[in-house]
Amino acid sequence: MNWQQTILYNLNNLGAKRLIIQDKTGILLRTEFASFLSTSDIQYCICIIPEHLLENKFIDNEIVIIPDIEIPSFIAEKSTIQEFDFRHLPLHIDAELAKTLDTDDLIALLYFQNTEKSIKNINEYNITECVHEAQVSFKKSELAQLKHKIYAISADKACDYDQVLLIGELWGQYVHQCWKVGVKPSDSLKEQIDDTTFPFVKGSDWQNIFHLTVNNFKSVDRIRDYIKQKGYNKTALICFDGMGIAEWELLKEYLSPLNLEYQQRNIFSLIPSTTLVSRSAIYSGYEEPYKDKTLNEEKQLQKFFAERNIAFYREGDIHDSEKLLGLDFVSIVYLVFDKLGHATNFPHGETTKDLYFENVSKYLEKSSILNELKILAEDGFSIFLCSDHGCVVASGNGQKLEKYLIEKNCKRAGIAKDSSLIENLDIEKMQVPFIDNKVVLLAEKRTIFTSKKLTEISHGGITVDEIVIPFIEVIS
């Protein structure tokens, strides 16, 4: 019997015609419990907003789970009310001590007790040790589930762009989780992902993303169109240069004190996945980045949002709300991921992002990013978080391509004019969609155009680490 079944078994009145469970722990409101109810074919609904209780549209034989809110008397009279508090947790822990833990820790302990079958009594002296042990075990179980899911999805060689985006999201979560628990990501899984996604990205079907509507956009060049269509009075466009899905998972933890509610959609970087091309596309659309040799972000943004009073900032510029006076559009570019990625020194042959993640994590602890986003939110700005590209750990392939490289630190791809000279290069080539006579030169697999003795963080290629990036719309 798992912990969800134990909780249900211990609750009284499960046969009641209309049962309202008032959850004072937060456990029953989580997806871990709701998913169990769904897979067990148990009818339920979760009602968080008090006003929804007044609508009184619950069906018979349905479990209604609510937080610790007041129940209107006329609903209470027609229902069976069951409280679920810390005394009812199937854990060997005092209720008052349990209250000191957050919901994530309690769920980890519940999973750990269920899987290990030998959890000791938790007291004030061993609680830290027990929680740590439970969290590591829980994260490893999540890691195994993620790995299994990615294997299953990436086994389909005839994938479409939505599957590639999903693979990129799950792989990013997996890479981040591996770092959290100190496990090396699976090389065979990485190879299977590349074998599945590379042919699709190189093929013509990938280009269908550029024909989607603004509301359903899936490429970085449509971000500005989407934001303009939203028409918010005050807008903040925040770009984290070099943030793939794994990096977003790290940043998400850092931003947790803000308690942001948001919607996430995953989109594609342009190819090559470089700053000059993909970050330019955020501010200038599709074609300009393939023509420009320098970034013109501020100029392009002002041109597109001509009716707005815009300011363009970098990290550390916003100390207080006075910097926002009179503005209705703010854009900030944060370079933490890109700069630290290129600055991290890797031992030859290293394949994980562990050193890089450690450097980013330490940097964020002392950065002003959290406070700056807090100021924007409190000043009423609608916030959009985005990225231009992700990154990958790559080893040198011994080939030199300096002549064609777009950026000094980006050694995975170059752009060249399509010609007979290019045809003679023994390098992977990819036509730039809708741009005549422009060809992307790609380093093979996860390598870079440099000495075989070097291993670096780089980007420009077509791994899901580089081309699948998050777009976050903050709701509140």
Protein backbone atom coordinates (compact mmCIF):
# COMPACT_ATOMS: atom_id res chain seq x y z
CA MET A 1 0.00 0.00 0.00
CA ASN A 2 1.51 3.35 -1.01
CA TRP A 3 1.24 6.50 1.09
CA GLN A 4 -1.67 7.89 -0.94
CA GLN A 5 -3.66 4.69 -0.40
CA THR A 6 -2.82 4.78 3.31
CA ILE A 7 -4.15 8.33 3.61
CA LEU A 8 -7.38 7.42 1.84
CA TYR A 9 -7.80 4.29 3.95
CA ASN A 10 -7.36 6.26 7.16
CA LEU A 11 -9.82 8.97 6.22
CA ASN A 12 -13.35 8.50 7.53
CA ASN A 13 -16.60 8.88 5.60
CA LEU A 14 -15.19 7.96 2.19
CA GLY A 15 -18.57 6.54 1.30
CA ALA A 16 -20.33 9.84 1.97
CA LYS A 17 -22.53 11.19 -0.81
CA ARG A 18 -20.74 14.53 -0.73
CA LEU A 19 -17.39 14.56 1.08
CA ILE A 20 -15.34 17.72 1.54
CA ILE A 21 -11.80 17.14 2.80
CA GLN A 22 -10.27 20.21 4.39
CA ASP A 23 -6.53 19.78 3.89
CA LYS A 24 -4.51 21.66 6.49
CA THR A 25 -1.18 20.18 5.40
CA GLY A 26 -1.05 21.01 1.68
CA ILE A 27 -0.28 17.36 0.85
CA LEU A 28 -3.66 16.51 -0.68
CA LEU A 29 -3.58 19.61 -2.87
CA ARG A 30 -0.41 18.50 -4.61
CA THR A 31 -0.22 16.79 -7.99
CA GLU A 32 1.39 13.73 -6.36
CA PHE A 33 -1.90 13.02 -4.58
CA ALA A 34 -4.21 14.23 -7.37
CA SER A 35 -2.43 12.01 -9.93
CA PHE A 36 -2.99 9.01 -7.69
CA LEU A 37 -6.73 9.78 -7.49
CA SER A 38 -6.91 10.12 -11.27
CA THR A 39 -5.14 6.83 -11.98
CA SER A 40 -7.35 5.14 -9.36
CA ASP A 41 -10.52 6.37 -11.14
CA ILE A 42 -11.62 8.24 -8.03
CA GLN A 43 -13.85 11.22 -8.78
CA TYR A 44 -12.48 14.36 -7.17
CA CYS A 45 -12.05 18.07 -7.59
CA ILE A 46 -9.68 20.53 -5.95
CA CYS A 47 -11.24 23.84 -4.98
CA ILE A 48 -8.66 26.42 -3.87
CA ILE A 49 -10.65 29.64 -4.34
CA PRO A 50 -13.35 30.21 -1.65
CA GLU A 51 -15.75 31.80 -4.15
CA HIS A 52 -15.86 28.58 -6.16
CA LEU A 53 -17.35 26.81 -3.16
CA LEU A 54 -20.32 29.16 -3.42
CA GLU A 55 -21.04 27.94 -6.94
CA ASN A 56 -22.03 24.62 -5.36
CA LYS A 57 -21.61 22.58 -8.57
CA PHE A 58 -20.04 19.50 -7.02
CA ILE A 59 -21.39 16.18 -8.20
CA ASP A 60 -22.47 13.34 -5.90
CA ASN A 61 -19.89 10.76 -4.83
CA GLU A 62 -17.11 13.22 -5.63
CA ILE A 63 -14.35 14.00 -3.16
CA VAL A 64 -13.87 17.76 -2.88
CA ILE A 65 -10.45 18.76 -1.56
CA ILE A 66 -10.05 22.30 -0.22
CA PRO A 67 -7.29 24.15 1.66
CA ASP A 68 -7.83 25.50 5.16
CA ILE A 69 -10.56 27.98 4.17
CA GLU A 70 -13.94 28.75 5.67
CA ILE A 71 -16.79 26.57 4.39
CA PRO A 72 -20.13 28.39 3.87
CA SER A 73 -22.72 27.11 6.34
CA PHE A 74 -25.29 26.11 3.71
CA ILE A 75 -22.66 23.88 2.01
CA ALA A 76 -21.51 22.40 5.33
CA GLU A 77 -25.09 21.45 6.17
CA LYS A 78 -25.40 19.40 2.96
CA SER A 79 -21.94 17.82 3.09
CA THR A 80 -19.74 15.59 5.19
CA ILE A 81 -16.66 17.52 6.32
CA GLN A 82 -13.43 15.66 7.04
CA GLU A 83 -10.36 17.49 8.33
CA PHE A 84 -6.92 16.28 7.32
CA ASP A 85 -4.12 17.77 9.41
CA PHE A 86 -0.58 16.90 10.45
CA ARG A 87 -1.82 14.32 12.98
CA HIS A 88 -3.16 12.22 10.11
CA LEU A 89 0.11 11.95 8.17
CA PRO A 90 1.24 8.30 7.95
CA LEU A 91 4.66 9.24 9.32
CA HIS A 92 6.45 8.54 12.57
CA ILE A 93 6.66 12.21 13.50
CA ASP A 94 5.06 14.52 16.05
CA ALA A 95 2.40 16.77 14.48
CA GLU A 96 3.99 19.97 15.81
CA LEU A 97 7.37 18.97 14.39
CA ALA A 98 5.75 18.08 11.06
CA LYS A 99 4.39 21.63 10.85
CA THR A 100 7.95 22.96 10.70
CA LEU A 101 8.59 21.15 7.39
CA ASP A 102 7.54 22.39 3.98
CA THR A 103 5.30 20.31 1.72
CA ASP A 104 8.15 19.09 -0.50
CA ASP A 105 9.98 17.67 2.52
CA LEU A 106 6.85 15.95 3.84
CA ILE A 107 6.13 14.33 0.46
CA ALA A 108 9.74 13.14 0.23
CA LEU A 109 9.43 11.58 3.69
CA LEU A 110 6.16 9.89 2.70
CA TYR A 111 7.75 8.41 -0.43
CA PHE A 112 10.86 7.39 1.47
CA GLN A 113 8.91 5.61 4.20
CA ASN A 114 6.85 3.81 1.59
CA THR A 115 9.83 2.63 -0.49
CA GLU A 116 12.36 1.94 2.26
CA LYS A 117 9.86 0.40 4.71
CA SER A 118 12.22 1.11 7.61
CA ILE A 119 12.07 4.82 8.33
CA LYS A 120 12.90 5.61 11.93
CA ASN A 121 10.98 7.81 14.31
CA ILE A 122 11.64 11.41 13.35
CA ASN A 123 12.52 13.76 16.18
CA GLU A 124 14.13 17.17 16.63
CA TYR A 125 17.60 15.60 16.77
CA ASN A 126 17.51 13.56 13.54
CA ILE A 127 14.99 15.53 11.44
CA THR A 128 17.62 17.23 9.26
CA GLU A 129 19.31 13.91 8.50
CA CYS A 130 15.98 12.17 7.78
CA VAL A 131 14.77 14.92 5.45
CA HIS A 132 18.05 14.97 3.51
CA GLU A 133 18.06 11.19 3.12
CA ALA A 134 14.43 11.24 2.01
CA GLN A 135 14.96 14.07 -0.49
CA VAL A 136 17.93 12.30 -2.12
CA SER A 137 15.95 9.08 -2.38
CA PHE A 138 12.90 10.91 -3.75
CA LYS A 139 14.93 12.78 -6.35
CA LYS A 140 16.60 9.57 -7.49
CA SER A 141 13.19 7.95 -7.95
CA GLU A 142 12.06 10.99 -9.97
CA LEU A 143 15.26 10.72 -11.99
CA ALA A 144 14.56 7.08 -12.84
CA GLN A 145 11.02 7.97 -13.95
CA LEU A 146 12.30 10.84 -16.09
CA LYS A 147 14.91 8.61 -17.70
CA HIS A 148 12.33 5.95 -18.52
CA LYS A 149 9.98 8.55 -20.00
CA ILE A 150 12.69 10.10 -22.18
CA TYR A 151 13.78 6.69 -23.47
CA ALA A 152 10.19 5.90 -24.43
CA ILE A 153 9.54 9.19 -26.25
CA SER A 154 12.91 9.46 -27.99
CA ALA A 155 12.65 5.89 -29.28
CA ASP A 156 10.18 7.19 -31.89
CA LYS A 157 12.43 8.16 -34.79
CA ALA A 158 9.51 9.69 -36.74
CA CYS A 159 9.08 12.58 -34.31
CA ASP A 160 7.52 16.00 -34.89
CA TYR A 161 8.42 19.42 -33.47
CA ASP A 162 6.21 19.01 -30.40
CA GLN A 163 8.00 15.77 -29.52
CA VAL A 164 11.39 17.43 -29.95
CA LEU A 165 10.28 20.24 -27.61
CA LEU A 166 9.05 17.68 -25.09
CA ILE A 167 12.27 15.67 -25.32
CA GLY A 168 14.21 18.90 -24.78
CA GLU A 169 12.14 19.78 -21.72
CA LEU A 170 12.46 16.35 -20.11
CA TRP A 171 16.17 16.09 -20.91
CA GLY A 172 16.79 19.52 -19.37
CA GLN A 173 14.94 18.48 -16.21
CA TYR A 174 16.92 15.24 -16.16
CA VAL A 175 20.31 16.98 -16.54
CA HIS A 176 19.50 19.41 -13.74
CA GLN A 177 18.21 16.64 -11.48
CA CYS A 178 21.36 14.58 -12.10
CA TRP A 179 23.43 17.49 -10.84
CA LYS A 180 21.21 17.87 -7.78
CA VAL A 181 21.72 14.26 -6.69
CA GLY A 182 25.29 13.81 -7.92
CA VAL A 183 24.58 11.34 -10.72
CA LYS A 184 26.19 11.42 -14.17
CA PRO A 185 23.63 11.74 -17.01
CA SER A 186 23.31 8.61 -19.13
CA ASP A 187 25.53 8.69 -22.23
CA SER A 188 23.36 6.14 -24.03
CA LEU A 189 20.24 8.22 -23.39
CA LYS A 190 22.01 11.31 -24.70
CA GLU A 191 23.03 9.44 -27.86
CA GLN A 192 19.49 8.17 -28.42
CA ILE A 193 18.11 11.70 -28.08
CA ASP A 194 20.61 13.06 -30.60
CA ASP A 195 19.95 10.20 -33.03
CA THR A 196 16.22 10.96 -32.89
CA THR A 197 16.21 14.77 -32.95
CA PHE A 198 19.10 15.60 -35.32
CA PRO A 199 17.47 14.17 -38.49
CA PHE A 200 14.21 16.00 -37.76
CA VAL A 201 15.88 19.38 -37.17
CA LYS A 202 17.95 18.99 -40.33
CA GLY A 203 14.85 18.05 -42.34
CA SER A 204 12.31 20.36 -43.93
CA ASP A 205 9.42 19.46 -41.57
CA TRP A 206 11.09 21.43 -38.77
CA GLN A 207 10.48 24.61 -40.77
CA ASN A 208 6.73 24.24 -40.24
CA ILE A 209 7.14 26.02 -36.89
CA PHE A 210 7.56 29.31 -38.75
CA HIS A 211 4.03 29.08 -40.18
CA LEU A 212 2.23 28.81 -36.84
CA THR A 213 -0.04 31.55 -35.47
CA VAL A 214 1.24 34.12 -32.99
CA ASN A 215 -0.77 32.55 -30.16
CA ASN A 216 0.79 29.17 -30.88
CA PHE A 217 4.31 30.37 -31.72
CA LYS A 218 7.22 27.97 -31.26
CA SER A 219 10.27 29.99 -32.33
CA VAL A 220 12.22 32.74 -30.62
CA ASP A 221 11.65 35.27 -33.43
CA ARG A 222 7.91 35.46 -32.64
CA ILE A 223 8.31 36.57 -29.01
CA ARG A 224 7.95 40.27 -29.76
CA ASP A 225 4.79 39.67 -31.86
CA TYR A 226 3.22 37.69 -29.03
CA ILE A 227 4.02 40.37 -26.44
CA LYS A 228 2.68 43.14 -28.69
CA GLN A 229 -0.55 41.23 -29.22
CA LYS A 230 -1.00 40.95 -25.44
CA GLY A 231 -1.09 44.74 -25.20
CA TYR A 232 -0.27 45.04 -21.50
CA ASN A 233 0.03 48.58 -20.11
CA LYS A 234 3.43 47.89 -18.55
CA THR A 235 5.69 45.16 -19.93
CA ALA A 236 9.05 43.74 -18.89
CA LEU A 237 10.91 41.53 -21.38
CA ILE A 238 13.69 39.70 -19.56
CA CYS A 239 16.22 37.73 -21.62
CA PHE A 240 18.62 35.28 -19.96
CA ASP A 241 21.34 34.76 -22.53
CA GLY A 242 22.33 31.08 -22.79
CA MET A 243 19.46 29.65 -20.71
CA GLY A 244 18.34 26.21 -21.87
CA ILE A 245 15.79 24.10 -20.00
CA ALA A 246 18.36 22.73 -17.52
CA GLU A 247 19.47 26.29 -16.72
CA TRP A 248 15.84 27.36 -16.30
CA GLU A 249 15.34 24.58 -13.74
CA LEU A 250 18.26 26.03 -11.76
CA LEU A 251 16.96 29.61 -12.10
CA LYS A 252 13.46 28.51 -11.10
CA GLU A 253 14.75 27.38 -7.72
CA TYR A 254 16.57 30.68 -7.24
CA LEU A 255 13.38 32.64 -8.04
CA SER A 256 11.16 30.57 -5.72
CA PRO A 257 11.07 33.25 -2.95
CA LEU A 258 9.08 35.46 -5.36
CA ASN A 259 6.23 32.89 -5.41
CA LEU A 260 5.57 33.64 -9.07
CA GLU A 261 2.69 31.99 -10.87
CA TYR A 262 3.57 31.49 -14.51
CA GLN A 263 2.84 29.65 -17.73
CA GLN A 264 5.74 27.94 -19.47
CA ARG A 265 5.94 27.08 -23.12
CA ASN A 266 9.04 25.66 -24.76
CA ILE A 267 10.16 27.11 -28.07
CA PHE A 268 13.02 26.78 -30.55
CA SER A 269 16.11 28.93 -30.88
CA LEU A 270 17.03 29.93 -34.39
CA ILE A 271 19.82 27.97 -36.06
CA PRO A 272 22.69 28.48 -35.58
CA SER A 273 21.88 28.85 -31.89
CA THR A 274 24.20 31.81 -31.34
CA THR A 275 23.71 35.09 -29.48
CA LEU A 276 24.11 37.19 -32.62
CA VAL A 277 21.41 35.26 -34.45
CA SER A 278 18.98 34.12 -31.78
CA ARG A 279 19.13 37.03 -29.35
CA SER A 280 18.82 39.45 -32.25
CA ALA A 281 15.71 37.56 -33.36
CA ILE A 282 13.97 38.31 -30.06
CA TYR A 283 14.20 42.03 -30.81
CA SER A 284 14.17 42.15 -34.61
CA GLY A 285 12.24 39.11 -35.89
CA TYR A 286 13.48 36.49 -38.33
CA GLU A 287 15.44 37.93 -41.25
CA GLU A 288 17.55 40.70 -39.69
CA PRO A 289 19.80 38.43 -37.56
CA TYR A 290 21.13 36.72 -40.69
CA LYS A 291 22.08 40.11 -42.13
CA ASP A 292 23.45 41.97 -39.09
CA LYS A 293 27.04 41.65 -37.94
CA THR A 294 26.37 43.42 -34.65
CA LEU A 295 23.57 43.39 -32.07
CA ASN A 296 21.09 46.25 -32.49
CA GLU A 297 18.65 45.19 -29.77
CA GLU A 298 17.73 48.58 -28.33
CA LYS A 299 17.21 50.17 -31.74
CA GLN A 300 15.11 47.24 -33.03
CA LEU A 301 12.98 47.10 -29.89
CA GLN A 302 12.24 50.85 -30.00
CA LYS A 303 11.36 50.57 -33.69
CA PHE A 304 8.89 47.72 -33.14
CA PHE A 305 7.28 49.25 -30.03
CA ALA A 306 7.43 52.84 -31.30
CA GLU A 307 4.48 53.93 -29.17
CA ARG A 308 6.14 52.80 -25.94
CA ASN A 309 8.50 54.59 -23.56
CA ILE A 310 11.27 51.99 -23.38
CA ALA A 311 14.37 51.52 -21.27
CA PHE A 312 17.01 48.87 -21.87
CA TYR A 313 18.91 47.66 -18.80
CA ARG A 314 21.55 45.19 -17.67
CA GLU A 315 21.99 43.45 -14.32
CA GLY A 316 22.48 45.89 -11.46
CA ASP A 317 20.80 48.85 -13.16
CA ILE A 318 17.49 48.73 -11.26
CA HIS A 319 18.09 49.60 -7.61
CA ASP A 320 14.58 50.81 -6.83
CA SER A 321 11.27 51.75 -8.48
CA GLU A 322 12.57 55.26 -9.31
CA LYS A 323 14.41 53.72 -12.27
CA LEU A 324 11.00 52.75 -13.66
CA LEU A 325 9.32 56.16 -13.43
CA GLY A 326 7.56 57.08 -16.68
CA LEU A 327 8.39 53.77 -18.35
CA ASP A 328 5.85 51.36 -19.79
CA PHE A 329 8.33 48.89 -21.35
CA VAL A 330 11.54 47.58 -19.81
CA SER A 331 13.93 45.05 -21.28
CA ILE A 332 16.78 43.49 -19.33
CA VAL A 333 19.44 41.11 -20.66
CA TYR A 334 21.08 38.96 -18.00
CA LEU A 335 24.38 37.36 -19.00
CA VAL A 336 24.91 35.07 -16.00
CA PHE A 337 24.53 31.78 -17.91
CA ASP A 338 26.40 32.76 -21.05
CA LYS A 339 29.31 34.48 -19.29
CA LEU A 340 29.84 31.81 -16.63
CA GLY A 341 29.40 29.06 -19.20
CA HIS A 342 32.23 30.39 -21.36
CA ALA A 343 34.33 31.21 -18.28
CA THR A 344 34.12 27.74 -16.69
CA ASN A 345 37.24 25.63 -17.14
CA PHE A 346 36.53 21.94 -17.75
CA PRO A 347 38.95 19.03 -17.43
CA HIS A 348 39.59 17.42 -20.80
CA GLY A 349 36.86 14.89 -21.61
CA GLU A 350 34.32 16.19 -19.04
CA THR A 351 30.75 15.65 -20.27
CA THR A 352 28.58 17.08 -17.47
CA LYS A 353 27.56 20.64 -16.61
CA ASP A 354 28.30 20.14 -12.90
CA LEU A 355 31.17 22.65 -12.62
CA TYR A 356 29.21 25.22 -14.59
CA PHE A 357 26.05 24.75 -12.48
CA GLU A 358 28.09 25.14 -9.30
CA ASN A 359 29.53 28.43 -10.56
CA VAL A 360 26.10 29.74 -11.59
CA SER A 361 24.54 28.71 -8.30
CA LYS A 362 27.20 30.53 -6.27
CA TYR A 363 26.86 33.62 -8.46
CA LEU A 364 23.07 33.78 -8.13
CA GLU A 365 23.32 33.72 -4.33
CA LYS A 366 24.92 37.18 -4.45
CA SER A 367 23.29 38.61 -7.58
CA SER A 368 20.70 41.41 -7.73
CA ILE A 369 18.45 39.56 -10.19
CA LEU A 370 15.89 38.41 -7.61
CA ASN A 371 15.47 41.92 -6.20
CA GLU A 372 15.22 43.51 -9.65
CA LEU A 373 12.44 41.16 -10.72
CA LYS A 374 10.71 41.80 -7.40
CA ILE A 375 10.79 45.56 -8.04
CA LEU A 376 9.31 45.07 -11.53
CA ALA A 377 6.53 42.84 -10.22
CA GLU A 378 5.65 45.21 -7.39
CA ASP A 379 5.56 48.13 -9.85
CA GLY A 380 2.87 46.37 -11.89
CA PHE A 381 4.92 45.19 -14.88
CA SER A 382 3.73 42.13 -16.78
CA ILE A 383 6.88 40.01 -16.90
CA PHE A 384 8.06 37.72 -19.70
CA LEU A 385 11.20 35.63 -19.20
CA CYS A 386 12.92 34.26 -22.28
CA SER A 387 16.21 33.00 -23.68
CA ASP A 388 18.02 33.08 -26.99
CA HIS A 389 19.67 29.64 -26.86
CA GLY A 390 20.92 26.97 -24.48
CA CYS A 391 24.37 25.43 -24.30
CA VAL A 392 26.19 22.14 -24.31
CA VAL A 393 29.46 20.71 -22.98
CA ALA A 394 31.54 19.93 -26.06
CA SER A 395 35.01 18.59 -26.81
CA GLY A 396 37.33 19.75 -29.56
CA ASN A 397 37.19 17.90 -32.89
CA GLY A 398 40.57 19.10 -34.20
CA GLN A 399 38.98 21.05 -37.07
CA LYS A 400 39.68 24.75 -37.58
CA LEU A 401 36.84 26.98 -38.76
CA GLU A 402 37.76 30.47 -37.44
CA LYS A 403 37.03 32.04 -40.82
CA TYR A 404 33.35 31.14 -40.60
CA LEU A 405 32.64 31.38 -36.87
CA ILE A 406 30.07 34.02 -35.98
CA GLU A 407 31.27 34.59 -32.43
CA LYS A 408 34.62 34.00 -30.75
CA ASN A 409 33.15 31.89 -27.92
CA CYS A 410 30.67 30.04 -30.12
CA LYS A 411 32.66 27.25 -31.74
CA ARG A 412 29.87 24.86 -32.69
CA ALA A 413 28.62 26.54 -35.86
CA GLY A 414 29.35 29.10 -38.54
CA ILE A 415 27.46 30.80 -41.36
CA ALA A 416 28.81 30.93 -44.90
CA LYS A 417 27.62 31.82 -48.37
CA ASP A 418 26.52 28.78 -50.34
CA SER A 419 29.19 28.19 -52.98
CA SER A 420 31.30 25.52 -54.62
CA LEU A 421 34.04 26.25 -52.05
CA ILE A 422 31.68 25.32 -49.23
CA GLU A 423 30.79 22.08 -50.96
CA ASN A 424 34.41 21.00 -50.66
CA LEU A 425 34.40 21.36 -46.87
CA ASP A 426 34.06 18.04 -45.06
CA ILE A 427 31.62 19.53 -42.54
CA GLU A 428 27.92 19.04 -41.77
CA LYS A 429 25.87 21.68 -43.61
CA MET A 430 22.32 22.95 -43.18
CA GLN A 431 20.45 25.46 -45.32
CA VAL A 432 19.12 28.53 -43.48
CA PRO A 433 15.31 28.44 -43.93
CA PHE A 434 13.93 31.16 -46.25
CA ILE A 435 17.34 32.88 -46.61
CA ASP A 436 18.97 32.50 -50.02
CA ASN A 437 22.62 31.45 -50.28
CA LYS A 438 23.22 31.11 -46.53
CA VAL A 439 24.46 27.81 -45.11
CA VAL A 440 25.06 26.81 -41.49
CA LEU A 441 28.24 24.81 -40.88
CA LEU A 442 27.79 22.48 -37.92
CA ALA A 443 30.31 20.71 -35.72
CA GLU A 444 29.61 16.96 -35.62
CA LYS A 445 27.49 15.72 -32.70
CA ARG A 446 28.63 17.40 -29.45
CA THR A 447 31.97 18.76 -30.56
CA ILE A 448 33.52 22.18 -31.19
CA PHE A 449 35.81 23.49 -33.91
CA THR A 450 39.02 23.64 -31.88
CA SER A 451 41.89 21.55 -30.52
CA LYS A 452 41.06 18.00 -29.44
CA LYS A 453 42.63 18.82 -26.08
CA LEU A 454 39.89 21.31 -25.12
CA THR A 455 36.46 20.83 -23.53
CA GLU A 456 34.20 23.87 -23.21
CA ILE A 457 30.64 25.12 -22.82
CA SER A 458 29.52 26.25 -26.25
CA HIS A 459 26.45 26.66 -28.46
CA GLY A 460 25.41 27.20 -32.05
CA GLY A 461 24.51 23.58 -32.79
CA ILE A 462 21.26 21.64 -32.95
CA THR A 463 21.23 19.54 -29.77
CA VAL A 464 18.05 19.92 -27.72
CA ASP A 465 20.29 21.42 -25.01
CA GLU A 466 20.92 24.37 -27.35
CA ILE A 467 17.77 24.80 -29.42
CA VAL A 468 14.95 24.04 -26.93
CA ILE A 469 14.50 27.05 -24.66
CA PRO A 470 11.84 28.24 -22.20
CA PHE A 471 9.42 31.14 -22.63
CA ILE A 472 7.83 32.11 -19.32
CA GLU A 473 4.78 34.34 -18.97
CA VAL A 474 4.37 35.45 -15.37
CA ILE A 475 0.70 35.47 -14.36
CA SER A 476 1.06 36.95 -10.88
